C-alpha cells in the first residue's frame, strides 16, 4: 500500500487515465467534499438533476465522510457508485468533483488535497457541504424540493 505522501508526489492523476488507475489511486481522487452524498432530484421532463442540501443518512456532515463506506451500496441503493468509464454517472456529479473534472480533461482545483497537501482546504474554500448540509432525518422526502440548492463554483 502506498502512503499518501507518495501518492501526492507521484501526481498520478496527471499521468494516468481514470481507467488505468489502481483502486488506491481511484479512491484517492475523492476530495472529501460530500457533495455527491446530497440527495438529488431529477426533472422527469428534462432529466435535469437538482442537488438539495439534504445529506444521505450515512454521511457524517462534519467530516464529510461516509459512516459505512464499504456497505453503502447495499445500505443506500440510490448511492452513486462512481466507476471509470461511466460518463452518465460523472455528469450527475458536481462540477468540482475530481472524477468529473478529470473525465472532462480538466485540472484539479487548487484546494483539492492532492494539490494543496491538506484535507482541510476543501472546507476552508467552502467547497464542502460541511457548513450548510442538513441531516436526512430532519427533512421529510416530500419537502426535498424546498431544499434545492445552486452551486456557486
N, C-alpha and C. Protein backbone atom coordinates (compact mmCIF):
# COMPACT_ATOMS: atom_id res chain seq x y z
N UNK A 1 0.84 -1.19 0.00
CA UNK A 1 0.00 0.00 0.00
C UNK A 1 0.88 1.25 0.00
N UNK A 2 0.56 2.17 -0.85
CA UNK A 2 1.30 3.41 -0.98
C UNK A 2 0.83 4.40 0.08
N UNK A 3 1.77 5.16 0.67
CA UNK A 3 1.31 6.17 1.63
C UNK A 3 0.87 7.42 0.88
N UNK A 4 0.12 8.28 1.57
CA UNK A 4 -0.48 9.44 0.90
C UNK A 4 0.57 10.40 0.36
N UNK A 5 1.72 10.53 1.01
CA UNK A 5 2.77 11.42 0.50
C UNK A 5 3.31 10.92 -0.83
N UNK A 6 3.44 9.59 -0.98
CA UNK A 6 3.90 9.02 -2.24
C UNK A 6 2.88 9.26 -3.34
N UNK A 7 1.58 9.15 -3.01
CA UNK A 7 0.53 9.41 -4.00
C UNK A 7 0.58 10.86 -4.46
N UNK A 8 0.73 11.80 -3.51
CA UNK A 8 0.82 13.21 -3.87
C UNK A 8 2.02 13.47 -4.75
N UNK A 9 3.16 12.92 -4.36
CA UNK A 9 4.40 13.16 -5.10
C UNK A 9 4.34 12.56 -6.50
N UNK A 10 3.62 11.47 -6.67
CA UNK A 10 3.58 10.81 -7.98
C UNK A 10 2.75 11.57 -9.01
N UNK A 11 1.82 12.39 -8.55
CA UNK A 11 0.91 13.15 -9.42
C UNK A 11 0.28 12.23 -10.46
N UNK A 12 -0.14 11.05 -9.98
CA UNK A 12 -0.71 10.01 -10.84
C UNK A 12 -1.87 10.50 -11.69
N UNK A 13 -2.66 11.42 -11.17
CA UNK A 13 -3.85 11.91 -11.87
C UNK A 13 -3.49 12.69 -13.14
N UNK A 14 -2.24 13.15 -13.23
CA UNK A 14 -1.80 13.85 -14.42
C UNK A 14 -1.18 12.90 -15.45
N UNK A 15 -0.90 11.68 -15.03
CA UNK A 15 -0.19 10.73 -15.88
C UNK A 15 -1.05 9.57 -16.36
N UNK A 16 -2.13 9.29 -15.66
CA UNK A 16 -2.95 8.13 -15.98
C UNK A 16 -4.38 8.54 -16.29
N UNK A 17 -4.99 7.78 -17.17
CA UNK A 17 -6.42 7.96 -17.40
C UNK A 17 -7.16 7.35 -16.21
N UNK A 18 -8.40 7.73 -16.02
CA UNK A 18 -9.20 7.15 -14.94
C UNK A 18 -9.26 5.64 -15.05
N UNK A 19 -9.36 5.13 -16.27
CA UNK A 19 -9.48 3.69 -16.49
C UNK A 19 -8.22 2.93 -16.09
N UNK A 20 -7.07 3.57 -16.10
CA UNK A 20 -5.81 2.90 -15.79
C UNK A 20 -5.38 3.05 -14.33
N UNK A 21 -6.13 3.78 -13.55
CA UNK A 21 -5.76 3.99 -12.14
C UNK A 21 -6.00 2.74 -11.32
N UNK A 22 -5.13 2.54 -10.33
CA UNK A 22 -5.34 1.45 -9.38
C UNK A 22 -6.51 1.83 -8.49
N UNK A 23 -7.05 0.88 -7.76
CA UNK A 23 -8.14 1.16 -6.84
C UNK A 23 -7.71 2.21 -5.81
N UNK A 24 -6.49 2.10 -5.33
CA UNK A 24 -5.98 3.05 -4.35
C UNK A 24 -5.92 4.47 -4.94
N UNK A 25 -5.45 4.59 -6.16
CA UNK A 25 -5.40 5.90 -6.82
C UNK A 25 -6.81 6.43 -7.05
N UNK A 26 -7.68 5.54 -7.50
CA UNK A 26 -9.08 5.92 -7.76
C UNK A 26 -9.71 6.50 -6.50
N UNK A 27 -9.59 5.79 -5.40
CA UNK A 27 -10.18 6.24 -4.13
C UNK A 27 -9.53 7.54 -3.65
N UNK A 28 -8.25 7.73 -3.96
CA UNK A 28 -7.54 8.94 -3.53
C UNK A 28 -8.06 10.20 -4.23
N UNK A 29 -8.75 10.03 -5.35
CA UNK A 29 -9.27 11.20 -6.06
C UNK A 29 -10.37 11.92 -5.29
N UNK A 30 -11.07 11.21 -4.43
CA UNK A 30 -12.16 11.84 -3.68
C UNK A 30 -11.59 12.95 -2.80
N UNK A 31 -12.13 14.15 -2.95
CA UNK A 31 -11.63 15.29 -2.18
C UNK A 31 -12.30 15.43 -0.82
N UNK A 32 -13.33 14.63 -0.56
CA UNK A 32 -13.99 14.69 0.74
C UNK A 32 -14.94 15.87 0.88
N UNK A 33 -15.50 16.34 -0.23
CA UNK A 33 -16.42 17.48 -0.17
C UNK A 33 -17.81 17.07 0.31
N UNK A 34 -18.21 15.83 0.05
CA UNK A 34 -19.53 15.34 0.45
C UNK A 34 -20.65 15.73 -0.50
N UNK A 35 -20.35 16.45 -1.56
CA UNK A 35 -21.41 16.90 -2.47
C UNK A 35 -22.16 15.75 -3.13
N UNK A 36 -21.46 14.68 -3.45
CA UNK A 36 -22.15 13.56 -4.11
C UNK A 36 -23.07 12.83 -3.14
N UNK A 37 -22.93 13.10 -1.85
CA UNK A 37 -23.75 12.44 -0.82
C UNK A 37 -25.00 13.24 -0.47
N UNK A 38 -25.27 14.28 -1.24
CA UNK A 38 -26.50 15.04 -1.05
C UNK A 38 -27.59 14.43 -1.92
N UNK A 39 -28.81 14.44 -1.42
CA UNK A 39 -29.92 13.93 -2.21
C UNK A 39 -30.12 14.82 -3.43
N UNK A 40 -30.47 14.15 -4.53
CA UNK A 40 -30.70 14.84 -5.78
C UNK A 40 -32.12 14.56 -6.26
N UNK A 41 -32.66 15.51 -6.99
CA UNK A 41 -33.96 15.35 -7.62
C UNK A 41 -33.75 15.47 -9.12
N UNK A 42 -34.49 14.68 -9.88
CA UNK A 42 -34.37 14.73 -11.33
C UNK A 42 -35.70 15.11 -11.94
N UNK A 43 -35.66 16.13 -12.80
CA UNK A 43 -36.85 16.57 -13.51
C UNK A 43 -37.25 15.48 -14.50
N UNK A 44 -38.49 15.01 -14.40
CA UNK A 44 -38.96 13.91 -15.25
C UNK A 44 -39.04 14.31 -16.72
N UNK A 45 -39.26 15.60 -16.99
CA UNK A 45 -39.42 16.05 -18.37
C UNK A 45 -38.07 16.34 -19.04
N UNK A 46 -37.14 16.95 -18.30
CA UNK A 46 -35.87 17.38 -18.90
C UNK A 46 -34.68 16.52 -18.50
N UNK A 47 -34.86 15.65 -17.50
CA UNK A 47 -33.78 14.84 -16.92
C UNK A 47 -32.73 15.68 -16.18
N UNK A 48 -32.99 16.97 -16.04
CA UNK A 48 -32.04 17.82 -15.30
C UNK A 48 -31.99 17.37 -13.85
N UNK A 49 -30.78 17.41 -13.29
CA UNK A 49 -30.56 16.98 -11.91
C UNK A 49 -30.39 18.21 -11.03
N UNK A 50 -31.09 18.20 -9.90
CA UNK A 50 -31.02 19.28 -8.93
C UNK A 50 -30.49 18.71 -7.61
N UNK A 51 -29.48 19.36 -7.07
CA UNK A 51 -28.95 18.97 -5.78
C UNK A 51 -29.76 19.62 -4.68
N UNK A 52 -29.89 18.92 -3.58
CA UNK A 52 -30.52 19.51 -2.39
C UNK A 52 -29.43 19.67 -1.33
N UNK A 53 -29.77 20.29 -0.22
CA UNK A 53 -28.82 20.40 0.89
C UNK A 53 -29.02 19.28 1.90
N UNK A 54 -29.79 18.25 1.52
CA UNK A 54 -30.12 17.14 2.41
C UNK A 54 -29.08 16.03 2.24
N UNK A 55 -28.36 15.75 3.31
CA UNK A 55 -27.29 14.76 3.28
C UNK A 55 -27.83 13.35 3.49
N UNK A 56 -27.24 12.41 2.81
CA UNK A 56 -27.55 10.99 2.99
C UNK A 56 -27.40 10.63 4.47
N UNK A 57 -28.22 9.71 4.91
CA UNK A 57 -28.19 9.32 6.32
C UNK A 57 -26.86 8.72 6.75
N UNK A 58 -26.06 8.22 5.81
CA UNK A 58 -24.76 7.65 6.16
C UNK A 58 -23.64 8.68 6.21
N UNK A 59 -23.92 9.89 5.78
CA UNK A 59 -22.87 10.92 5.75
C UNK A 59 -22.73 11.59 7.11
N UNK A 60 -21.53 11.63 7.60
CA UNK A 60 -21.23 12.38 8.82
C UNK A 60 -20.87 13.78 8.31
N UNK A 61 -21.73 14.74 8.56
CA UNK A 61 -21.62 16.06 7.94
C UNK A 61 -20.34 16.81 8.33
N UNK A 62 -19.94 16.75 9.56
CA UNK A 62 -18.75 17.49 9.99
C UNK A 62 -17.49 17.02 9.28
N UNK A 63 -17.34 15.72 9.13
CA UNK A 63 -16.14 15.20 8.46
C UNK A 63 -16.33 15.04 6.96
N UNK A 64 -17.59 15.07 6.50
CA UNK A 64 -17.94 14.83 5.09
C UNK A 64 -17.48 13.45 4.64
N UNK A 65 -17.62 12.49 5.51
CA UNK A 65 -17.22 11.11 5.21
C UNK A 65 -18.39 10.16 5.48
N UNK A 66 -18.44 9.10 4.69
CA UNK A 66 -19.47 8.08 4.85
C UNK A 66 -19.17 7.25 6.10
N UNK A 67 -20.19 7.01 6.87
CA UNK A 67 -20.00 6.24 8.11
C UNK A 67 -19.98 4.74 7.86
N UNK A 68 -20.36 4.31 6.66
CA UNK A 68 -20.33 2.88 6.33
C UNK A 68 -19.98 2.72 4.86
N UNK A 69 -18.83 3.22 4.47
CA UNK A 69 -18.43 3.28 3.07
C UNK A 69 -18.45 1.90 2.41
N UNK A 70 -17.97 0.89 3.08
CA UNK A 70 -17.89 -0.45 2.48
C UNK A 70 -19.27 -1.02 2.16
N UNK A 71 -20.26 -0.72 2.98
CA UNK A 71 -21.61 -1.28 2.79
C UNK A 71 -22.59 -0.26 2.22
N UNK A 72 -22.12 0.89 1.81
CA UNK A 72 -23.01 1.98 1.39
C UNK A 72 -23.96 1.60 0.27
N UNK A 73 -23.49 0.81 -0.68
CA UNK A 73 -24.33 0.48 -1.83
C UNK A 73 -25.48 -0.45 -1.46
N UNK A 74 -25.29 -1.27 -0.46
CA UNK A 74 -26.40 -2.12 -0.01
C UNK A 74 -27.27 -1.39 1.00
N UNK A 75 -26.67 -0.50 1.78
CA UNK A 75 -27.42 0.28 2.77
C UNK A 75 -28.28 1.37 2.12
N UNK A 76 -27.75 1.97 1.06
CA UNK A 76 -28.43 3.08 0.37
C UNK A 76 -28.41 2.76 -1.13
N UNK A 77 -29.43 2.06 -1.61
CA UNK A 77 -29.44 1.62 -3.02
C UNK A 77 -29.25 2.74 -4.04
N UNK A 78 -29.67 3.95 -3.72
CA UNK A 78 -29.51 5.07 -4.66
C UNK A 78 -28.14 5.74 -4.57
N UNK A 79 -27.26 5.22 -3.72
CA UNK A 79 -25.91 5.76 -3.59
C UNK A 79 -25.21 5.68 -4.94
N UNK A 80 -24.50 6.73 -5.28
CA UNK A 80 -23.79 6.79 -6.54
C UNK A 80 -22.52 5.94 -6.44
N UNK A 81 -22.41 4.95 -7.32
CA UNK A 81 -21.22 4.11 -7.37
C UNK A 81 -20.38 4.61 -8.53
N UNK A 82 -19.41 5.42 -8.25
CA UNK A 82 -18.60 6.07 -9.27
C UNK A 82 -17.52 5.09 -9.73
N UNK A 83 -17.50 4.82 -11.03
CA UNK A 83 -16.55 3.89 -11.62
C UNK A 83 -16.03 4.46 -12.93
N UNK A 84 -14.78 4.12 -13.30
CA UNK A 84 -14.21 4.63 -14.56
C UNK A 84 -15.09 4.27 -15.76
N UNK A 85 -15.15 5.19 -16.70
CA UNK A 85 -15.86 4.92 -17.94
C UNK A 85 -17.36 5.15 -17.90
N UNK A 86 -17.90 5.46 -16.75
CA UNK A 86 -19.35 5.65 -16.65
C UNK A 86 -19.68 7.14 -16.75
N UNK A 87 -19.66 7.66 -17.97
CA UNK A 87 -19.89 9.09 -18.18
C UNK A 87 -21.24 9.56 -17.67
N UNK A 88 -22.26 8.70 -17.68
CA UNK A 88 -23.57 9.08 -17.16
C UNK A 88 -23.50 9.39 -15.68
N UNK A 89 -22.71 8.64 -14.94
CA UNK A 89 -22.53 8.91 -13.51
C UNK A 89 -21.78 10.21 -13.32
N UNK A 90 -20.74 10.45 -14.10
CA UNK A 90 -19.93 11.65 -13.94
C UNK A 90 -20.74 12.92 -14.14
N UNK A 91 -21.67 12.92 -15.09
CA UNK A 91 -22.45 14.12 -15.34
C UNK A 91 -23.41 14.43 -14.19
N UNK A 92 -23.69 13.43 -13.36
CA UNK A 92 -24.56 13.65 -12.20
C UNK A 92 -23.76 14.13 -10.99
N UNK A 93 -22.45 14.25 -11.15
CA UNK A 93 -21.60 14.72 -10.06
C UNK A 93 -21.44 16.23 -10.13
N UNK A 94 -21.10 16.86 -9.01
CA UNK A 94 -20.87 18.31 -9.03
C UNK A 94 -19.72 18.67 -9.98
N UNK A 95 -19.76 19.87 -10.51
CA UNK A 95 -18.75 20.32 -11.47
C UNK A 95 -17.35 20.35 -10.87
N UNK A 96 -17.23 20.39 -9.55
CA UNK A 96 -15.92 20.44 -8.90
C UNK A 96 -15.36 19.06 -8.58
N UNK A 97 -16.10 18.01 -8.83
CA UNK A 97 -15.68 16.65 -8.49
C UNK A 97 -14.47 16.24 -9.32
N UNK A 98 -13.46 15.69 -8.67
CA UNK A 98 -12.24 15.27 -9.36
C UNK A 98 -12.52 14.25 -10.45
N UNK A 99 -13.41 13.32 -10.20
CA UNK A 99 -13.73 12.30 -11.20
C UNK A 99 -14.31 12.97 -12.46
N UNK A 100 -15.21 13.88 -12.25
CA UNK A 100 -15.83 14.56 -13.39
C UNK A 100 -14.81 15.46 -14.10
N UNK A 101 -14.05 16.23 -13.32
CA UNK A 101 -13.06 17.12 -13.91
C UNK A 101 -12.06 16.36 -14.78
N UNK A 102 -11.51 15.28 -14.24
CA UNK A 102 -10.52 14.51 -14.98
C UNK A 102 -11.14 13.83 -16.21
N UNK A 103 -12.38 13.37 -16.08
CA UNK A 103 -13.04 12.74 -17.23
C UNK A 103 -13.29 13.75 -18.35
N UNK A 104 -13.39 15.03 -17.99
CA UNK A 104 -13.62 16.09 -18.97
C UNK A 104 -12.32 16.71 -19.46
N UNK A 105 -11.18 16.21 -18.96
CA UNK A 105 -9.88 16.74 -19.38
C UNK A 105 -9.46 17.99 -18.64
N UNK A 106 -10.12 18.29 -17.52
CA UNK A 106 -9.78 19.48 -16.73
C UNK A 106 -8.79 19.14 -15.62
N UNK A 107 -8.30 20.17 -14.99
CA UNK A 107 -7.33 20.02 -13.89
C UNK A 107 -8.06 20.02 -12.55
N UNK A 108 -7.39 19.49 -11.55
CA UNK A 108 -7.93 19.54 -10.19
C UNK A 108 -7.83 20.97 -9.67
N UNK A 109 -8.79 21.40 -8.86
CA UNK A 109 -8.72 22.75 -8.28
C UNK A 109 -7.59 22.86 -7.26
N UNK A 110 -7.12 24.05 -7.05
CA UNK A 110 -6.01 24.28 -6.12
C UNK A 110 -6.32 23.81 -4.70
N UNK A 111 -7.60 23.81 -4.32
CA UNK A 111 -7.96 23.40 -2.97
C UNK A 111 -8.02 21.88 -2.80
N UNK A 112 -7.96 21.12 -3.90
CA UNK A 112 -8.00 19.66 -3.80
C UNK A 112 -6.77 19.21 -3.02
N UNK A 113 -6.95 18.29 -2.08
CA UNK A 113 -5.85 17.90 -1.21
C UNK A 113 -4.66 17.29 -1.97
N UNK A 114 -4.90 16.71 -3.14
CA UNK A 114 -3.77 16.19 -3.92
C UNK A 114 -2.89 17.31 -4.44
N UNK A 115 -3.44 18.51 -4.53
CA UNK A 115 -2.67 19.68 -4.94
C UNK A 115 -2.15 20.43 -3.71
N UNK A 116 -3.05 20.70 -2.76
CA UNK A 116 -2.69 21.50 -1.58
C UNK A 116 -1.91 20.72 -0.53
N UNK A 117 -2.10 19.41 -0.49
CA UNK A 117 -1.44 18.59 0.53
C UNK A 117 -2.20 18.53 1.84
N UNK A 118 -3.37 19.17 1.89
CA UNK A 118 -4.14 19.20 3.12
C UNK A 118 -5.61 18.87 2.85
N UNK A 119 -6.16 17.97 3.65
CA UNK A 119 -7.59 17.63 3.53
C UNK A 119 -8.49 18.75 4.05
N UNK A 120 -7.91 19.74 4.69
CA UNK A 120 -8.69 20.85 5.25
C UNK A 120 -9.06 21.89 4.19
N UNK A 121 -8.29 21.99 3.11
CA UNK A 121 -8.53 23.08 2.14
C UNK A 121 -9.89 22.99 1.46
N UNK A 122 -10.43 21.80 1.27
CA UNK A 122 -11.76 21.67 0.67
C UNK A 122 -12.80 22.38 1.54
N UNK A 123 -12.61 22.34 2.84
CA UNK A 123 -13.53 23.01 3.77
C UNK A 123 -13.22 24.50 3.86
N UNK A 124 -11.94 24.84 3.92
CA UNK A 124 -11.54 26.25 4.00
C UNK A 124 -12.03 27.05 2.80
N UNK A 125 -12.07 26.42 1.63
CA UNK A 125 -12.51 27.08 0.40
C UNK A 125 -14.02 27.10 0.25
N UNK A 126 -14.73 26.45 1.17
CA UNK A 126 -16.19 26.40 1.08
C UNK A 126 -16.68 25.45 0.00
N UNK A 127 -15.83 24.52 -0.43
CA UNK A 127 -16.20 23.57 -1.47
C UNK A 127 -16.89 22.34 -0.91
N UNK A 128 -16.90 22.20 0.40
CA UNK A 128 -17.57 21.05 1.00
C UNK A 128 -18.97 21.43 1.49
N UNK A 129 -19.71 20.43 1.90
CA UNK A 129 -21.08 20.66 2.36
C UNK A 129 -21.15 20.87 3.87
N UNK A 130 -20.00 20.88 4.50
CA UNK A 130 -19.91 20.94 5.96
C UNK A 130 -20.72 22.07 6.58
N UNK A 131 -20.72 23.23 5.97
CA UNK A 131 -21.34 24.41 6.60
C UNK A 131 -22.81 24.62 6.29
N UNK A 132 -23.40 23.78 5.43
CA UNK A 132 -24.80 24.05 5.08
C UNK A 132 -25.71 22.82 5.02
N UNK A 133 -25.16 21.64 4.95
CA UNK A 133 -25.99 20.44 4.78
C UNK A 133 -26.87 20.19 6.00
N UNK A 134 -28.01 19.59 5.75
CA UNK A 134 -28.92 19.20 6.83
C UNK A 134 -29.06 17.68 6.82
N UNK A 135 -29.35 17.14 7.95
CA UNK A 135 -29.49 15.69 8.09
C UNK A 135 -30.77 15.19 7.42
N UNK A 136 -30.66 14.05 6.78
CA UNK A 136 -31.81 13.42 6.14
C UNK A 136 -32.95 13.21 7.12
N UNK A 137 -32.63 12.86 8.34
CA UNK A 137 -33.66 12.59 9.35
C UNK A 137 -34.47 13.83 9.70
N UNK A 138 -33.93 15.02 9.39
CA UNK A 138 -34.60 16.27 9.73
C UNK A 138 -35.50 16.81 8.62
N UNK A 139 -35.55 16.12 7.48
CA UNK A 139 -36.34 16.61 6.34
C UNK A 139 -37.20 15.49 5.79
N UNK A 140 -38.48 15.74 5.65
CA UNK A 140 -39.38 14.75 5.05
C UNK A 140 -39.10 14.73 3.55
N UNK A 141 -39.05 13.54 2.93
CA UNK A 141 -38.78 13.45 1.49
C UNK A 141 -39.70 14.31 0.62
N UNK A 142 -40.92 14.52 1.04
CA UNK A 142 -41.83 15.37 0.27
C UNK A 142 -41.39 16.83 0.28
N UNK A 143 -40.51 17.19 1.20
CA UNK A 143 -40.04 18.57 1.31
C UNK A 143 -38.68 18.80 0.63
N UNK A 144 -38.12 17.80 -0.02
CA UNK A 144 -36.80 17.95 -0.65
C UNK A 144 -36.78 19.09 -1.67
N UNK A 145 -37.89 19.29 -2.37
CA UNK A 145 -37.94 20.39 -3.35
C UNK A 145 -37.66 21.73 -2.70
N UNK A 146 -38.01 21.88 -1.44
CA UNK A 146 -37.75 23.12 -0.72
C UNK A 146 -36.29 23.26 -0.30
N UNK A 147 -35.50 22.24 -0.59
CA UNK A 147 -34.09 22.23 -0.18
C UNK A 147 -33.14 22.22 -1.38
N UNK A 148 -33.66 22.52 -2.58
CA UNK A 148 -32.81 22.58 -3.77
C UNK A 148 -31.81 23.72 -3.62
N UNK A 149 -30.58 23.45 -4.01
CA UNK A 149 -29.52 24.46 -3.91
C UNK A 149 -28.88 24.67 -5.28
N UNK A 150 -28.22 25.78 -5.44
CA UNK A 150 -27.45 26.10 -6.63
C UNK A 150 -26.00 26.25 -6.24
N UNK A 151 -25.11 25.55 -6.95
CA UNK A 151 -23.69 25.69 -6.66
C UNK A 151 -23.16 26.99 -7.22
N UNK A 152 -22.28 27.62 -6.49
CA UNK A 152 -21.55 28.79 -6.97
C UNK A 152 -20.09 28.36 -7.03
N UNK A 153 -19.69 27.84 -8.19
CA UNK A 153 -18.34 27.29 -8.34
C UNK A 153 -17.44 28.24 -9.11
